[in-house]
C-alpha atoms as a PDB file:
ATOM      1  CA  UNK A   1      83.937  46.414 215.218  1.00  0.00           C
ATOM      2  CA  UNK A   2      82.099  44.866 217.890  1.00  0.00           C
ATOM      3  CA  UNK A   3      78.455  44.040 218.639  1.00  0.00           C
ATOM      4  CA  UNK A   4      76.367  44.620 221.203  1.00  0.00           C
ATOM      5  CA  UNK A   5      73.640  42.755 222.440  1.00  0.00           C
ATOM      6  CA  UNK A   6      70.141  42.506 220.849  1.00  0.00           C
ATOM      7  CA  UNK A   7      69.206  44.630 224.429  1.00  0.00           C
ATOM      8  CA  UNK A   8      71.884  47.011 225.256  1.00  0.00           C
ATOM      9  CA  UNK A   9      71.594  48.063 221.764  1.00  0.00           C
ATOM     10  CA  UNK A  10      67.759  48.958 221.569  1.00  0.00           C
ATOM     11  CA  UNK A  11      67.642  50.329 225.320  1.00  0.00           C
ATOM     12  CA  UNK A  12      71.078  52.623 224.644  1.00  0.00           C
ATOM     13  CA  UNK A  13      68.808  53.453 221.269  1.00  0.00           C
ATOM     14  CA  UNK A  14      65.407  54.954 222.949  1.00  0.00           C
ATOM     15  CA  UNK A  15      67.709  56.459 226.151  1.00  0.00           C
ATOM     16  CA  UNK A  16      68.029  60.886 224.936  1.00  0.00           C
ATOM     17  CA  UNK A  17      70.588  62.606 225.305  1.00  0.00           C
ATOM     18  CA  UNK A  18      69.712  64.953 228.558  1.00  0.00           C
ATOM     19  CA  UNK A  19      71.559  68.170 226.888  1.00  0.00           C
ATOM     20  CA  UNK A  20      68.160  67.079 224.261  1.00  0.00           C
ATOM     21  CA  UNK A  21      65.432  66.634 226.609  1.00  0.00           C
ATOM     22  CA  UNK A  22      64.884  69.325 227.831  1.00  0.00           C
ATOM     23  CA  UNK A  23      65.723  71.430 225.977  1.00  0.00           C
ATOM     24  CA  UNK A  24      62.106  69.157 224.327  1.00  0.00           C
ATOM     25  CA  UNK A  25      61.325  70.489 228.209  1.00  0.00           C
ATOM     26  CA  UNK A  26      61.667  74.392 227.790  1.00  0.00           C
ATOM     27  CA  UNK A  27      59.921  74.176 224.145  1.00  0.00           C
ATOM     28  CA  UNK A  28      56.740  72.231 225.185  1.00  0.00           C
ATOM     29  CA  UNK A  29      57.079  75.182 228.844  1.00  0.00           C
ATOM     30  CA  UNK A  30      56.945  78.078 226.434  1.00  0.00           C
ATOM     31  CA  UNK A  31      54.174  76.854 224.462  1.00  0.00           C
ATOM     32  CA  UNK A  32      52.239  75.866 226.995  1.00  0.00           C
ATOM     33  CA  UNK A  33      52.984  79.587 228.636  1.00  0.00           C
ATOM     34  CA  UNK A  34      51.783  80.823 225.165  1.00  0.00           C
ATOM     35  CA  UNK A  35      48.652  79.050 224.299  1.00  0.00           C
ATOM     36  CA  UNK A  36      47.436  79.566 227.790  1.00  0.00           C
ATOM     37  CA  UNK A  37      49.057  83.752 227.714  1.00  0.00           C
ATOM     38  CA  UNK A  38      46.927  83.757 224.554  1.00  0.00           C
ATOM     39  CA  UNK A  39      43.603  81.732 226.098  1.00  0.00           C
ATOM     40  CA  UNK A  40      43.360  84.219 228.454  1.00  0.00           C
ATOM     41  CA  UNK A  41      43.876  87.370 227.034  1.00  0.00           C
ATOM     42  CA  UNK A  42      40.664  86.161 224.876  1.00  0.00           C
ATOM     43  CA  UNK A  43      38.787  84.810 227.226  1.00  0.00           C
ATOM     44  CA  UNK A  44      39.181  88.832 229.288  1.00  0.00           C
ATOM     45  CA  UNK A  45      38.354  90.723 225.553  1.00  0.00           C
ATOM     46  CA  UNK A  46      35.396  88.671 225.117  1.00  0.00           C
ATOM     47  CA  UNK A  47      34.337  90.193 229.404  1.00  0.00           C
ATOM     48  CA  UNK A  48      34.991  93.411 228.172  1.00  0.00           C
ATOM     49  CA  UNK A  49      32.547  95.925 226.774  1.00  0.00           C
ATOM     50  CA  UNK A  50      33.525  96.943 224.080  1.00  0.00           C
ATOM     51  CA  UNK A  51      34.070 101.087 225.663  1.00  0.00           C
ATOM     52  CA  UNK A  52      36.462  98.998 227.673  1.00  0.00           C
ATOM     53  CA  UNK A  53      38.948  98.573 225.780  1.00  0.00           C
ATOM     54  CA  UNK A  54      41.431 101.051 223.380  1.00  0.00           C
ATOM     55  CA  UNK A  55      40.063  99.899 219.891  1.00  0.00           C
ATOM     56  CA  UNK A  56      37.556  97.528 217.866  1.00  0.00           C
ATOM     57  CA  UNK A  57      37.570  94.117 220.144  1.00  0.00           C
ATOM     58  CA  UNK A  58      37.781  92.636 216.238  1.00  0.00           C
ATOM     59  CA  UNK A  59      41.193  93.526 215.757  1.00  0.00           C
ATOM     60  CA  UNK A  60      42.343  92.752 219.536  1.00  0.00           C
ATOM     61  CA  UNK A  61      41.256  89.733 218.410  1.00  0.00           C
ATOM     62  CA  UNK A  62      43.136  88.795 215.056  1.00  0.00           C
ATOM     63  CA  UNK A  63      46.171  91.000 217.149  1.00  0.00           C
ATOM     64  CA  UNK A  64      45.833  88.428 219.579  1.00  0.00           C
ATOM     65  CA  UNK A  65      47.012  85.063 216.736  1.00  0.00           C
ATOM     66  CA  UNK A  66      50.598  86.516 217.344  1.00  0.00           C
ATOM     67  CA  UNK A  67      52.116  84.939 219.482  1.00  0.00           C
ATOM     68  CA  UNK A  68      53.780  86.559 222.558  1.00  0.00           C
ATOM     69  CA  UNK A  69      53.071  89.925 221.208  1.00  0.00           C
ATOM     70  CA  UNK A  70      49.294  90.698 219.948  1.00  0.00           C
ATOM     71  CA  UNK A  71      48.680  89.148 223.926  1.00  0.00           C
ATOM     72  CA  UNK A  72      51.195  90.872 225.552  1.00  0.00           C
ATOM     73  CA  UNK A  73      50.520  94.572 223.846  1.00  0.00           C
ATOM     74  CA  UNK A  74      46.485  93.562 224.373  1.00  0.00           C
ATOM     75  CA  UNK A  75      46.539  93.037 227.801  1.00  0.00           C
ATOM     76  CA  UNK A  76      49.569  96.481 228.223  1.00  0.00           C
ATOM     77  CA  UNK A  77      47.313  98.744 225.786  1.00  0.00           C
ATOM     78  CA  UNK A  78      44.303  96.932 223.948  1.00  0.00           C
ATOM     79  CA  UNK A  79      42.064  98.159 228.233  1.00  0.00           C
ATOM     80  CA  UNK A  80      41.256 100.861 229.467  1.00  0.00           C
ATOM     81  CA  UNK A  81      42.791 100.655 232.939  1.00  0.00           C
ATOM     82  CA  UNK A  82      46.075  98.587 232.354  1.00  0.00           C
ATOM     83  CA  UNK A  83      46.333  97.432 235.981  1.00  0.00           C
ATOM     84  CA  UNK A  84      42.492  96.159 236.053  1.00  0.00           C
ATOM     85  CA  UNK A  85      42.712  92.555 236.454  1.00  0.00           C
ATOM     86  CA  UNK A  86      41.797  89.858 233.761  1.00  0.00           C
ATOM     87  CA  UNK A  87      37.784  90.136 233.525  1.00  0.00           C
ATOM     88  CA  UNK A  88      35.579  86.509 234.265  1.00  0.00           C
ATOM     89  CA  UNK A  89      32.253  85.588 234.334  1.00  0.00           C
END
């Protein structure tokens, strides 16, 4: 068993394999996308009047906490005019 010099051992231990680094980046992108989607849906819901939303706004605000399904269902089903852009004031 050969021993690596201390400087070489520290360098090789700190390197992350490319596949693991790629997974970390992918998970980060997916997480940031989910948070952004939920934030946009929450902002849109808060700026719409109750008569512009299918069902109670309180129920939709709770549904937005369900990852992916909540914000996507709000944009597809929750707004009375699903083709309109998100509304911000």
